Amino acid sequence: MKFRRVIPFIVVVTAHVSASSSSSGSSSSIGLNGWYPCSESTFSDEGGSANQDAECAVYTAPLCYPGICENPAFVTTTTVDIFVKRIAALNDSKTATNVWIMQGGPGASSTAMESTMVELHTRMDGTVNVYTMDHRGTGRSTLLDCVAAQSTTTGSPWGSGIDTAEVPACAQALEKKYGNLSSFSMTSAATDMATFISDYTNGADTIVYAVSYGTALVERLIHLDPPEVTGYVLDGVATSSGSPKEFEYFSTWDADFGDVG
């Protein structure tokens, strides 16, 4: 994905929204562990970084949202952790426009988006708050990992990936831990975003940019329609809409992209 081609477009959209925004809502702190100074880049080639210009936090979200799933009696953990990073506006972050940069994968963390966050923040002269999130099941959020079945260890058939033969054991292990796995559905992840934007940001105009699978997640966010979000940018659309015959499955990824190619 060539983010540099898209950054100028995001800059134009953001500048327009910033010029017309006048909201000044305040954020809640209940359920939010943060904000703490952290590095703009999670991984450093030098083995360390004195740059602590970003801020990091963990949002405690319910494992099951009402209407999506219910917590089984045997599940002892009824919350999940959602990792969020932001680069705050340099002057008044409480009234600045917010821009979210969302990764895809599926299953990728937000670390690959950090350079894009920094570039956008720089091009906007630090006038916007730039956010990203590891959606539930990925990265530094509560990770959907088959520990009991050991399906994603380097000693398993596909190493850190997962072979179709490993899926039944992995699914059984995860259901034993979490119950109904709709708790890690796209709708649950989109609800995390909608809730966080409404409860833990400044209430100002918000633009959401997403790539690849992230566009399917954000498409679900569009259906949830958080009132603070006034614009969406979908880059490399992977939609969840359409007929069941054309539905997007990871198992048909290569064939689908082959047809497009």
C-alpha atoms as a PDB file:
ATOM      1  CA  MET A   1       0.000   0.000   0.000  1.00  0.00           C
ATOM      2  CA  LYS A   2       1.540   3.329  -1.045  1.00  0.00           C
ATOM      3  CA  PHE A   3       0.412   5.583   1.780  1.00  0.00           C
ATOM      4  CA  ARG A   4       2.342   8.587   0.434  1.00  0.00           C
ATOM      5  CA  ARG A   5      -0.106   8.868  -2.471  1.00  0.00           C
ATOM      6  CA  VAL A   6      -3.031   9.107  -0.067  1.00  0.00           C
ATOM      7  CA  ILE A   7      -1.543  11.421   2.575  1.00  0.00           C
ATOM      8  CA  PRO A   8      -2.026  14.618   0.486  1.00  0.00           C
ATOM      9  CA  PHE A   9      -5.722  13.758   0.045  1.00  0.00           C
ATOM     10  CA  ILE A  10      -6.170  13.184   3.786  1.00  0.00           C
ATOM     11  CA  VAL A  11      -4.394  16.474   4.455  1.00  0.00           C
ATOM     12  CA  VAL A  12      -6.825  18.356   2.190  1.00  0.00           C
ATOM     13  CA  VAL A  13      -9.895  16.717   3.777  1.00  0.00           C
ATOM     14  CA  THR A  14      -8.571  17.267   7.297  1.00  0.00           C
ATOM     15  CA  ALA A  15      -7.691  20.896   6.642  1.00  0.00           C
ATOM     16  CA  HIS A  16     -11.230  21.545   5.394  1.00  0.00           C
ATOM     17  CA  VAL A  17     -12.801  19.893   8.444  1.00  0.00           C
ATOM     18  CA  SER A  18     -10.406  21.665  10.837  1.00  0.00           C
ATOM     19  CA  ALA A  19     -11.358  25.032   9.402  1.00  0.00           C
ATOM     20  CA  SER A  20     -15.050  24.423  10.039  1.00  0.00           C
ATOM     21  CA  SER A  21     -14.824  22.644  13.395  1.00  0.00           C
ATOM     22  CA  SER A  22     -15.739  24.389  16.624  1.00  0.00           C
ATOM     23  CA  SER A  23     -16.590  21.512  18.989  1.00  0.00           C
ATOM     24  CA  SER A  24     -14.970  21.442  22.398  1.00  0.00           C
ATOM     25  CA  GLY A  25     -16.292  18.351  24.179  1.00  0.00           C
ATOM     26  CA  SER A  26     -14.442  16.862  27.119  1.00  0.00           C
ATOM     27  CA  SER A  27     -13.378  13.241  27.458  1.00  0.00           C
ATOM     28  CA  SER A  28     -14.165  10.784  30.219  1.00  0.00           C
ATOM     29  CA  SER A  29     -11.465   8.845  32.052  1.00  0.00           C
ATOM     30  CA  ILE A  30     -13.463   5.940  33.497  1.00  0.00           C
ATOM     31  CA  GLY A  31     -12.288   2.701  31.887  1.00  0.00           C
ATOM     32  CA  LEU A  32      -9.222   4.353  30.348  1.00  0.00           C
ATOM     33  CA  ASN A  33      -5.723   3.576  31.600  1.00  0.00           C
ATOM     34  CA  GLY A  34      -3.688   6.441  30.151  1.00  0.00           C
ATOM     35  CA  TRP A  35      -2.547   8.702  28.616  1.00  0.00           C
ATOM     36  CA  TYR A  36       1.171   7.907  29.082  1.00  0.00           C
ATOM     37  CA  PRO A  37       4.139   9.314  27.121  1.00  0.00           C
ATOM     38  CA  CYS A  38       5.358   6.736  24.591  1.00  0.00           C
ATOM     39  CA  SER A  39       7.413   6.555  21.421  1.00  0.00           C
ATOM     40  CA  GLU A  40       5.914   7.415  18.044  1.00  0.00           C
ATOM     41  CA  SER A  41       7.521   4.198  16.726  1.00  0.00           C
ATOM     42  CA  THR A  42       6.939   0.976  18.626  1.00  0.00           C
ATOM     43  CA  PHE A  43      10.058  -0.654  17.190  1.00  0.00           C
ATOM     44  CA  SER A  44      13.419   1.104  16.910  1.00  0.00           C
ATOM     45  CA  ASP A  45      16.366   0.015  14.757  1.00  0.00           C
ATOM     46  CA  GLU A  46      18.661   1.546  17.363  1.00  0.00           C
ATOM     47  CA  GLY A  47      17.251  -0.595  20.175  1.00  0.00           C
ATOM     48  CA  GLY A  48      15.780   2.390  22.009  1.00  0.00           C
ATOM     49  CA  SER A  49      14.366   5.855  21.498  1.00  0.00           C
ATOM     50  CA  ALA A  50      14.369   9.047  23.550  1.00  0.00           C
ATOM     51  CA  ASN A  51      11.426  10.296  21.464  1.00  0.00           C
ATOM     52  CA  GLN A  52       8.327  10.128  23.667  1.00  0.00           C
ATOM     53  CA  ASP A  53       6.116  12.470  21.633  1.00  0.00           C
ATOM     54  CA  ALA A  54       3.154  10.097  21.351  1.00  0.00           C
ATOM     55  CA  GLU A  55       0.715   9.050  24.063  1.00  0.00           C
ATOM     56  CA  CYS A  56      -0.522   5.522  24.742  1.00  0.00           C
ATOM     57  CA  ALA A  57      -3.462   4.103  26.659  1.00  0.00           C
ATOM     58  CA  VAL A  58      -5.493   0.955  27.202  1.00  0.00           C
ATOM     59  CA  TYR A  59      -9.287   1.131  27.098  1.00  0.00           C
ATOM     60  CA  THR A  60     -11.188  -1.518  29.059  1.00  0.00           C
ATOM     61  CA  ALA A  61     -14.103  -2.685  26.918  1.00  0.00           C
ATOM     62  CA  PRO A  62     -16.775  -5.293  27.632  1.00  0.00           C
ATOM     63  CA  LEU A  63     -16.116  -8.729  26.174  1.00  0.00           C
ATOM     64  CA  CYS A  64     -19.723  -8.760  24.981  1.00  0.00           C
ATOM     65  CA  TYR A  65     -21.706  -5.701  23.964  1.00  0.00           C
ATOM     66  CA  PRO A  66     -25.511  -5.843  24.372  1.00  0.00           C
ATOM     67  CA  GLY A  67     -27.163  -7.205  21.264  1.00  0.00           C
ATOM     68  CA  ILE A  68     -23.951  -8.808  19.969  1.00  0.00           C
ATOM     69  CA  CYS A  69     -23.333 -11.614  22.457  1.00  0.00           C
ATOM     70  CA  GLU A  70     -23.822 -12.619  26.086  1.00  0.00           C
ATOM     71  CA  ASN A  71     -21.154 -13.732  28.543  1.00  0.00           C
ATOM     72  CA  PRO A  72     -21.495 -17.459  29.326  1.00  0.00           C
ATOM     73  CA  ALA A  73     -21.539 -18.380  33.011  1.00  0.00           C
ATOM     74  CA  PHE A  74     -18.205 -20.202  32.725  1.00  0.00           C
ATOM     75  CA  VAL A  75     -16.301 -17.172  31.398  1.00  0.00           C
ATOM     76  CA  THR A  76     -14.353 -15.513  34.212  1.00  0.00           C
ATOM     77  CA  THR A  77     -13.027 -12.542  32.253  1.00  0.00           C
ATOM     78  CA  THR A  78     -15.786 -10.263  30.985  1.00  0.00           C
ATOM     79  CA  THR A  79     -13.620  -7.430  29.647  1.00  0.00           C
ATOM     80  CA  VAL A  80     -10.936  -7.005  26.993  1.00  0.00           C
ATOM     81  CA  ASP A  81      -8.084  -4.528  26.662  1.00  0.00           C
ATOM     82  CA  ILE A  82      -7.972  -2.195  23.655  1.00  0.00           C
ATOM     83  CA  PHE A  83      -4.636  -0.496  22.947  1.00  0.00           C
ATOM     84  CA  VAL A  84      -4.793   3.063  21.604  1.00  0.00           C
ATOM     85  CA  LYS A  85      -2.024   5.442  20.536  1.00  0.00           C
ATOM     86  CA  ARG A  86      -2.279   9.109  19.633  1.00  0.00           C
ATOM     87  CA  ILE A  87      -0.096  12.015  18.617  1.00  0.00           C
ATOM     88  CA  ALA A  88      -1.802  15.014  20.167  1.00  0.00           C
ATOM     89  CA  ALA A  89      -2.189  18.409  18.531  1.00  0.00           C
ATOM     90  CA  LEU A  90       0.605  20.756  19.565  1.00  0.00           C
ATOM     91  CA  ASN A  91      -1.559  23.652  20.712  1.00  0.00           C
ATOM     92  CA  ASP A  92      -5.114  22.922  21.844  1.00  0.00           C
ATOM     93  CA  SER A  93      -5.719  19.174  21.646  1.00  0.00           C
ATOM     94  CA  LYS A  94      -9.065  19.622  23.436  1.00  0.00           C
ATOM     95  CA  THR A  95     -10.621  21.348  20.417  1.00  0.00           C
ATOM     96  CA  ALA A  96      -8.497  20.024  17.519  1.00  0.00           C
ATOM     97  CA  THR A  97      -9.911  17.843  14.744  1.00  0.00           C
ATOM     98  CA  ASN A  98      -9.251  14.113  15.217  1.00  0.00           C
ATOM     99  CA  VAL A  99      -7.962  11.755  12.524  1.00  0.00           C
ATOM    100  CA  TRP A 100      -7.945   7.978  12.961  1.00  0.00           C
ATOM    101  CA  ILE A 101      -5.559   5.795  10.933  1.00  0.00           C
ATOM    102  CA  MET A 102      -6.711   2.146  10.959  1.00  0.00           C
ATOM    103  CA  GLN A 103      -4.709  -0.901   9.876  1.00  0.00           C
ATOM    104  CA  GLY A 104      -6.081  -4.001   8.178  1.00  0.00           C
ATOM    105  CA  GLY A 105      -4.484  -7.427   7.865  1.00  0.00           C
ATOM    106  CA  PRO A 106      -6.758  -9.082   8.703  1.00  0.00           C
ATOM    107  CA  GLY A 107      -5.289  -9.436  12.166  1.00  0.00           C
ATOM    108  CA  ALA A 108      -2.471  -6.889  11.910  1.00  0.00           C
ATOM    109  CA  SER A 109      -1.600  -4.482  14.704  1.00  0.00           C
ATOM    110  CA  SER A 110      -1.322  -0.743  14.128  1.00  0.00           C
ATOM    111  CA  THR A 111       2.489  -0.572  14.204  1.00  0.00           C
ATOM    112  CA  ALA A 112       2.712  -0.332  10.396  1.00  0.00           C
ATOM    113  CA  MET A 113       0.575   2.823  10.518  1.00  0.00           C
ATOM    114  CA  GLU A 114       2.841   4.766  12.869  1.00  0.00           C
ATOM    115  CA  SER A 115       4.975   6.364  10.158  1.00  0.00           C
ATOM    116  CA  THR A 116       1.772   7.486   8.409  1.00  0.00           C
ATOM    117  CA  MET A 117       0.544   9.029  11.667  1.00  0.00           C
ATOM    118  CA  VAL A 118       3.794  10.954  12.075  1.00  0.00           C
ATOM    119  CA  GLU A 119       3.785  12.156   8.453  1.00  0.00           C
ATOM    120  CA  LEU A 120       0.165  13.340   8.617  1.00  0.00           C
ATOM    121  CA  HIS A 121       0.751  15.122  11.926  1.00  0.00           C
ATOM    122  CA  THR A 122       3.810  16.857  10.444  1.00  0.00           C
ATOM    123  CA  ARG A 123       2.055  17.873   7.218  1.00  0.00           C
ATOM    124  CA  MET A 124      -0.796  19.334   9.238  1.00  0.00           C
ATOM    125  CA  ASP A 125       1.724  21.362  11.286  1.00  0.00           C
ATOM    126  CA  GLY A 126       0.585  19.607  14.443  1.00  0.00           C
ATOM    127  CA  THR A 127      -2.931  21.049  14.286  1.00  0.00           C
ATOM    128  CA  VAL A 128      -4.745  17.685  14.563  1.00  0.00           C
ATOM    129  CA  ASN A 129      -4.917  14.777  16.988  1.00  0.00           C
ATOM    130  CA  VAL A 130      -3.922  11.578  15.168  1.00  0.00           C
ATOM    131  CA  TYR A 131      -5.134   8.262  16.629  1.00  0.00           C
ATOM    132  CA  THR A 132      -4.746   4.574  15.933  1.00  0.00           C
ATOM    133  CA  MET A 133      -6.008   1.429  17.647  1.00  0.00           C
ATOM    134  CA  ASP A 134      -5.112  -2.262  17.760  1.00  0.00           C
ATOM    135  CA  HIS A 135      -8.610  -3.639  17.249  1.00  0.00           C
ATOM    136  CA  ARG A 136      -9.646  -6.397  19.627  1.00  0.00           C
ATOM    137  CA  GLY A 137      -7.934  -9.711  18.980  1.00  0.00           C
ATOM    138  CA  THR A 138      -4.765  -8.133  17.548  1.00  0.00           C
ATOM    139  CA  GLY A 139      -1.435  -6.703  18.629  1.00  0.00           C
ATOM    140  CA  ARG A 140      -1.309  -5.090  22.068  1.00  0.00           C
ATOM    141  CA  SER A 141      -5.040  -5.402  22.623  1.00  0.00           C
ATOM    142  CA  THR A 142      -6.413  -8.656  24.048  1.00  0.00           C
ATOM    143  CA  LEU A 143      -4.893 -11.056  21.531  1.00  0.00           C
ATOM    144  CA  LEU A 144      -6.982 -13.795  19.968  1.00  0.00           C
ATOM    145  CA  ASP A 145      -4.268 -16.422  20.268  1.00  0.00           C
ATOM    146  CA  CYS A 146      -4.567 -20.202  20.407  1.00  0.00           C
ATOM    147  CA  VAL A 147      -2.269 -20.744  23.391  1.00  0.00           C
ATOM    148  CA  ALA A 148      -3.931 -23.933  24.627  1.00  0.00           C
ATOM    149  CA  ALA A 149      -3.899 -25.507  21.157  1.00  0.00           C
ATOM    150  CA  GLN A 150      -0.449 -24.057  20.313  1.00  0.00           C
ATOM    151  CA  SER A 151      -1.678 -23.434  16.763  1.00  0.00           C
ATOM    152  CA  THR A 152       0.412 -20.344  16.035  1.00  0.00           C
ATOM    153  CA  THR A 153       3.775 -21.311  17.496  1.00  0.00           C
ATOM    154  CA  THR A 154       6.834 -21.499  15.245  1.00  0.00           C
ATOM    155  CA  GLY A 155       6.822 -25.262  15.755  1.00  0.00           C
ATOM    156  CA  SER A 156       3.281 -25.679  14.408  1.00  0.00           C
ATOM    157  CA  PRO A 157       2.618 -26.636  10.733  1.00  0.00           C
ATOM    158  CA  TRP A 158       2.391 -23.031   9.458  1.00  0.00           C
ATOM    159  CA  GLY A 159       4.473 -21.375  12.139  1.00  0.00           C
ATOM    160  CA  SER A 160       2.907 -18.115  13.288  1.00  0.00           C
ATOM    161  CA  GLY A 161       0.206 -18.600  10.648  1.00  0.00           C
ATOM    162  CA  ILE A 162      -2.545 -21.176  10.973  1.00  0.00           C
ATOM    163  CA  ASP A 163      -3.254 -24.210   8.797  1.00  0.00           C
ATOM    164  CA  THR A 164      -6.852 -25.194   8.068  1.00  0.00           C
ATOM    165  CA  ALA A 165      -6.229 -28.486   9.887  1.00  0.00           C
ATOM    166  CA  GLU A 166      -5.482 -26.506  13.057  1.00  0.00           C
ATOM    167  CA  VAL A 167      -8.685 -24.453  12.980  1.00  0.00           C
ATOM    168  CA  PRO A 168     -11.011 -26.892  14.851  1.00  0.00           C
ATOM    169  CA  ALA A 169      -8.680 -27.225  17.848  1.00  0.00           C
ATOM    170  CA  CYS A 170      -7.965 -23.492  17.868  1.00  0.00           C
ATOM    171  CA  ALA A 171     -11.668 -22.590  17.708  1.00  0.00           C
ATOM    172  CA  GLN A 172     -12.485 -25.060  20.481  1.00  0.00           C
ATOM    173  CA  ALA A 173      -9.753 -23.607  22.708  1.00  0.00           C
ATOM    174  CA  LEU A 174     -10.928 -20.042  22.100  1.00  0.00           C
ATOM    175  CA  GLU A 175     -14.588 -20.895  22.739  1.00  0.00           C
ATOM    176  CA  LYS A 176     -13.531 -22.575  25.981  1.00  0.00           C
ATOM    177  CA  LYS A 177     -11.887 -19.307  27.047  1.00  0.00           C
ATOM    178  CA  TYR A 178     -14.268 -16.668  25.660  1.00  0.00           C
ATOM    179  CA  GLY A 179     -17.519 -18.436  24.839  1.00  0.00           C
ATOM    180  CA  ASN A 180     -19.326 -17.065  21.787  1.00  0.00           C
ATOM    181  CA  LEU A 181     -16.595 -15.790  19.451  1.00  0.00           C
ATOM    182  CA  SER A 182     -18.860 -13.051  18.132  1.00  0.00           C
ATOM    183  CA  SER A 183     -17.242 -11.180  21.019  1.00  0.00           C
ATOM    184  CA  PHE A 184     -14.305 -10.778  18.625  1.00  0.00           C
ATOM    185  CA  SER A 185     -16.434 -10.004  15.580  1.00  0.00           C
ATOM    186  CA  MET A 186     -16.041  -7.045  13.270  1.00  0.00           C
ATOM    187  CA  THR A 187     -19.123  -5.498  14.863  1.00  0.00           C
ATOM    188  CA  SER A 188     -17.573  -5.790  18.330  1.00  0.00           C
ATOM    189  CA  ALA A 189     -14.364  -4.140  17.102  1.00  0.00           C
ATOM    190  CA  ALA A 190     -16.302  -1.355  15.367  1.00  0.00           C
ATOM    191  CA  THR A 191     -18.299  -0.803  18.561  1.00  0.00           C
ATOM    192  CA  ASP A 192     -15.002  -0.375  20.429  1.00  0.00           C
ATOM    193  CA  MET A 193     -14.103   2.401  18.005  1.00  0.00           C
ATOM    194  CA  ALA A 194     -17.497   4.086  18.176  1.00  0.00           C
ATOM    195  CA  THR A 195     -17.520   3.946  21.977  1.00  0.00           C
ATOM    196  CA  PHE A 196     -13.975   5.237  22.314  1.00  0.00           C
ATOM    197  CA  ILE A 197     -14.544   8.101  19.887  1.00  0.00           C
ATOM    198  CA  SER A 198     -17.708   9.145  21.727  1.00  0.00           C
ATOM    199  CA  ASP A 199     -16.488   8.654  25.307  1.00  0.00           C
ATOM    200  CA  TYR A 200     -12.735   9.274  25.295  1.00  0.00           C
ATOM    201  CA  THR A 201     -11.959  11.889  22.654  1.00  0.00           C
ATOM    202  CA  ASN A 202     -12.689  15.606  22.624  1.00  0.00           C
ATOM    203  CA  GLY A 203     -16.028  15.580  20.775  1.00  0.00           C
ATOM    204  CA  ALA A 204     -14.616  17.544  17.824  1.00  0.00           C
ATOM    205  CA  ASP A 205     -15.030  16.590  14.165  1.00  0.00           C
ATOM    206  CA  THR A 206     -13.383  13.253  13.419  1.00  0.00           C
ATOM    207  CA  ILE A 207     -12.128  11.700  10.176  1.00  0.00           C
ATOM    208  CA  VAL A 208     -11.466   7.949   9.942  1.00  0.00           C
ATOM    209  CA  TYR A 209      -8.979   6.601   7.374  1.00  0.00           C
ATOM    210  CA  ALA A 210      -8.538   2.840   6.882  1.00  0.00           C
ATOM    211  CA  VAL A 211      -6.671   0.465   4.598  1.00  0.00           C
ATOM    212  CA  SER A 212      -7.323  -3.084   3.372  1.00  0.00           C
ATOM    213  CA  TYR A 213      -9.348  -5.148   5.880  1.00  0.00           C
ATOM    214  CA  GLY A 214      -9.537  -2.016   8.008  1.00  0.00           C
ATOM    215  CA  THR A 215     -11.988  -0.647   5.428  1.00  0.00           C
ATOM    216  CA  ALA A 216     -14.395  -3.517   6.186  1.00  0.00           C
ATOM    217  CA  LEU A 217     -14.118  -2.704   9.877  1.00  0.00           C
ATOM    218  CA  VAL A 218     -14.748   0.981   9.202  1.00  0.00           C
ATOM    219  CA  GLU A 219     -17.672   0.120   6.919  1.00  0.00           C
ATOM    220  CA  ARG A 220     -19.251  -1.420  10.019  1.00  0.00           C
ATOM    221  CA  LEU A 221     -18.400   1.758  11.935  1.00  0.00           C
ATOM    222  CA  ILE A 222     -20.300   3.724   9.281  1.00  0.00           C
ATOM    223  CA  HIS A 223     -23.400   1.627  10.076  1.00  0.00           C
ATOM    224  CA  LEU A 224     -22.990   2.437  13.785  1.00  0.00           C
ATOM    225  CA  ASP A 225     -22.871   6.119  12.783  1.00  0.00           C
ATOM    226  CA  PRO A 226     -21.012   7.796  15.662  1.00  0.00           C
ATOM    227  CA  PRO A 227     -22.090  11.458  15.515  1.00  0.00           C
ATOM    228  CA  GLU A 228     -18.559  12.807  15.957  1.00  0.00           C
ATOM    229  CA  VAL A 229     -17.338  11.222  12.704  1.00  0.00           C
ATOM    230  CA  THR A 230     -17.849  13.607   9.799  1.00  0.00           C
ATOM    231  CA  GLY A 231     -15.717  11.895   7.149  1.00  0.00           C
ATOM    232  CA  TYR A 232     -14.373   8.511   6.056  1.00  0.00           C
ATOM    233  CA  VAL A 233     -11.494   7.605   3.717  1.00  0.00           C
ATOM    234  CA  LEU A 234     -11.418   3.948   2.581  1.00  0.00           C
ATOM    235  CA  ASP A 235      -8.164   2.961   0.860  1.00  0.00           C
ATOM    236  CA  GLY A 236      -8.089  -0.473  -0.831  1.00  0.00           C
ATOM    237  CA  VAL A 237     -11.710  -1.353  -0.107  1.00  0.00           C
ATOM    238  CA  ALA A 238     -12.495  -4.784   1.325  1.00  0.00           C
ATOM    239  CA  THR A 239     -16.250  -4.700   1.817  1.00  0.00           C
ATOM    240  CA  SER A 240     -18.428  -6.976   3.915  1.00  0.00           C
ATOM    241  CA  SER A 241     -21.495  -6.061   1.853  1.00  0.00           C
ATOM    242  CA  GLY A 242     -22.976  -7.980  -1.065  1.00  0.00           C
ATOM    243  CA  SER A 243     -24.528 -11.378  -1.695  1.00  0.00           C
ATOM    244  CA  PRO A 244     -23.440 -14.456   0.320  1.00  0.00           C
ATOM    245  CA  LYS A 245     -21.954 -15.911  -2.868  1.00  0.00           C
ATOM    246  CA  GLU A 246     -19.577 -12.960  -3.164  1.00  0.00           C
ATOM    247  CA  PHE A 247     -18.884 -12.588   0.555  1.00  0.00           C
ATOM    248  CA  GLU A 248     -15.310 -11.861   1.537  1.00  0.00           C
ATOM    249  CA  TYR A 249     -13.585 -14.831   3.159  1.00  0.00           C
ATOM    250  CA  PHE A 250      -9.895 -15.024   3.976  1.00  0.00           C
ATOM    251  CA  SER A 251      -9.862 -18.556   2.493  1.00  0.00           C
ATOM    252  CA  THR A 252     -10.733 -17.094  -0.947  1.00  0.00           C
ATOM    253  CA  TRP A 253      -8.254 -14.197  -0.713  1.00  0.00           C
ATOM    254  CA  ASP A 254      -5.808 -15.465  -3.359  1.00  0.00           C
ATOM    255  CA  ALA A 255      -8.547 -16.440  -5.808  1.00  0.00           C
ATOM    256  CA  ASP A 256     -10.397 -13.147  -5.395  1.00  0.00           C
ATOM    257  CA  PHE A 257      -7.297 -11.046  -5.925  1.00  0.00           C
ATOM    258  CA  GLY A 258      -6.300 -13.253  -8.857  1.00  0.00           C
ATOM    259  CA  ASP A 259      -9.615 -12.464 -10.570  1.00  0.00           C
ATOM    260  CA  VAL A 260      -9.089  -8.745 -10.001  1.00  0.00           C
ATOM    261  CA  GLY A 261      -5.508  -8.945 -11.259  1.00  0.00           C
END
